[in-house]
Structure formats: structure tokens, C-alpha cells
Amino acid sequence: MGALFLAMAGCSRGSYWVVHGEELNSATRFSMTYDRFNGYKEKDLTVETGEAVEIVVAFVSTEGTLDASICRKDDSETCGYEGNDVPTSTFTVTLNEPGTYVIRVEARRHSGSYSFHWN
């Protein structure tokens, strides 16, 4: 029998449901592995003046769709990354401009995982 989680954890927020999921969230990580994820989750990340933040991004997509973005909180037009229906992949995104960014994932009956971790 599957478990269903409806939650808002730590510094992340969202509206979602998950079946058989495991989250690993901290000050430098935003990640989850699951059998099924539907809805969205977000986490804020602040880049200080004179600082560059490298984010290692990894997705596993086995079913459904997953969209993801890393955009400035006060300007959704300024994004370090935007992806729709992302495939299984791993890459690095570098944020050089100071400000608060929102890391957002939005799933539609997605199976797999996502992971964002930074220095």
C-alpha cells in the first residue's frame, strides 16, 4: 500500500502530493525521489554581492512530466535556468547576479527525482 504525503517542509513550500517519496532538503540542497509527484515545490536561494553560486542540477524522468526553473524572485524574466518536460540529465547552473532566486519544480504525474545542490 502506498503512502501519500501532503506537506510543506522547512524552507521549501508548495502544493503537491507524493507517493513513496523521500525528501532531502537543507540550506544547500533541495531534492526528492518518488514513485509519483504531482503539483509544485519551491525553495528560495540568496546570492550575495560578489558571490557566485554553482548549482548542480540532476533529474531522473521515467514517466509523466517535470518542469523546472531557477528565476529571480523579484523578476521572473531573469532566470538562470528554465526547462519544460525535462529529460534525465545532470548539469551545472552558475548564478552571478546578487538577489533572491526561486528554485521551482512542477510535476504532472511524474515518476523519478530531482536534485539541486550548491556551495
Protein backbone atom coordinates (compact mmCIF):
# COMPACT_ATOMS: atom_id res chain seq x y z
CA MET A 1 0.00 0.00 0.00
CA GLY A 2 1.40 3.41 -0.99
CA ALA A 3 1.93 6.38 1.27
CA LEU A 4 0.57 9.78 0.36
CA PHE A 5 2.33 12.88 1.69
CA LEU A 6 0.86 16.37 1.69
CA ALA A 7 3.48 18.59 3.26
CA MET A 8 5.31 21.85 3.50
CA ALA A 9 8.78 21.25 4.87
CA GLY A 10 11.43 23.58 6.26
CA CYS A 11 12.35 26.43 3.95
CA SER A 12 10.57 24.94 0.96
CA ARG A 13 6.94 25.47 0.05
CA GLY A 14 4.41 24.13 -2.41
CA SER A 15 1.16 22.44 -3.14
CA TYR A 16 1.63 18.82 -4.09
CA TRP A 17 1.08 15.15 -3.41
CA VAL A 18 3.71 12.42 -3.46
CA VAL A 19 3.54 8.62 -3.43
CA HIS A 20 6.54 6.80 -1.90
CA GLY A 21 8.70 9.90 -1.66
CA GLU A 22 11.87 10.81 0.20
CA GLU A 23 13.00 14.44 0.52
CA LEU A 24 16.48 15.69 1.38
CA ASN A 25 16.29 19.45 1.97
CA SER A 26 18.81 21.66 3.76
CA ALA A 27 20.41 25.10 3.49
CA THR A 28 22.34 23.86 0.42
CA ARG A 29 20.09 21.12 -1.01
CA PHE A 30 16.59 20.78 -2.50
CA SER A 31 15.83 17.24 -3.64
CA MET A 32 13.25 14.48 -3.72
CA THR A 33 12.96 10.93 -5.08
CA TYR A 34 9.46 9.49 -5.57
CA ASP A 35 7.25 6.98 -7.33
CA ARG A 36 4.73 9.71 -8.20
CA PHE A 37 4.77 13.52 -7.75
CA ASN A 38 2.02 15.91 -8.78
CA GLY A 39 1.96 19.67 -8.07
CA TYR A 40 4.77 22.11 -7.34
CA LYS A 41 7.52 22.80 -4.80
CA GLU A 42 9.74 25.86 -4.37
CA LYS A 43 12.79 26.90 -2.39
CA ASP A 44 14.46 30.31 -2.08
CA LEU A 45 18.21 30.75 -2.60
CA THR A 46 20.06 34.03 -1.93
CA VAL A 47 23.15 35.09 -3.87
CA GLU A 48 25.20 37.75 -2.07
CA THR A 49 27.02 40.62 -3.82
CA GLY A 50 30.41 39.47 -5.13
CA GLU A 51 29.46 35.80 -4.75
CA ALA A 52 28.84 33.17 -7.42
CA VAL A 53 26.71 30.15 -6.62
CA GLU A 54 27.14 26.95 -8.64
CA ILE A 55 24.10 24.67 -8.55
CA VAL A 56 24.48 21.04 -9.61
CA VAL A 57 21.13 20.01 -11.09
CA ALA A 58 20.07 16.40 -11.70
CA PHE A 59 16.78 14.98 -12.99
CA VAL A 60 15.55 11.44 -13.48
CA SER A 61 12.36 11.17 -15.55
CA THR A 62 10.76 7.78 -16.08
CA GLU A 63 7.11 8.83 -16.55
CA GLY A 64 4.98 11.98 -16.64
CA THR A 65 6.37 15.50 -17.00
CA LEU A 66 8.56 17.72 -14.85
CA ASP A 67 9.20 21.43 -15.44
CA ALA A 68 11.89 23.29 -13.51
CA SER A 69 13.26 26.81 -13.19
CA ILE A 70 15.69 28.96 -11.22
CA CYS A 71 14.48 32.57 -11.53
CA ARG A 72 14.95 35.81 -9.60
CA LYS A 73 12.19 36.22 -7.04
CA ASP A 74 11.55 39.88 -7.92
CA ASP A 75 11.90 39.39 -11.70
CA SER A 76 10.60 36.15 -13.18
CA GLU A 77 12.03 37.18 -16.57
CA THR A 78 15.59 36.82 -15.21
CA CYS A 79 16.25 33.09 -15.00
CA GLY A 80 19.43 31.10 -14.60
CA TYR A 81 17.62 28.03 -15.92
CA GLU A 82 14.21 27.10 -17.36
CA GLY A 83 13.26 23.64 -18.58
CA ASN A 84 9.98 22.10 -19.70
CA ASP A 85 9.33 18.36 -19.73
CA VAL A 86 12.92 17.83 -18.61
CA PRO A 87 14.63 14.56 -19.55
CA THR A 88 17.01 12.58 -17.37
CA SER A 89 20.08 14.81 -17.17
CA THR A 90 22.77 16.37 -14.97
CA PHE A 91 24.32 19.82 -15.42
CA THR A 92 25.56 22.90 -13.54
CA VAL A 93 23.94 26.35 -13.37
CA THR A 94 26.01 29.34 -12.18
CA LEU A 95 24.28 32.36 -10.62
CA ASN A 96 26.45 35.51 -10.60
CA GLU A 97 23.90 38.27 -10.04
CA PRO A 98 23.04 39.11 -6.42
CA GLY A 99 19.46 38.64 -5.22
CA THR A 100 16.99 36.03 -4.11
CA TYR A 101 16.18 33.27 -6.57
CA VAL A 102 13.33 30.76 -6.51
CA ILE A 103 14.08 27.15 -7.45
CA ARG A 104 10.76 25.69 -8.65
CA VAL A 105 9.75 22.23 -9.84
CA GLU A 106 6.29 21.47 -11.19
CA ALA A 107 5.22 17.90 -11.89
CA ARG A 108 2.34 16.25 -13.66
CA ARG A 109 2.13 12.61 -12.60
CA HIS A 110 5.92 12.44 -12.69
CA SER A 111 7.97 9.43 -11.63
CA GLY A 112 11.67 9.87 -10.88
CA SER A 113 13.62 12.50 -8.94
CA TYR A 114 15.10 15.97 -8.89
CA SER A 115 18.13 17.34 -7.08
CA PHE A 116 19.61 20.82 -6.73
CA HIS A 117 22.69 21.28 -4.51
CA TRP A 118 25.09 24.19 -4.23
CA ASN A 119 28.15 25.52 -2.43
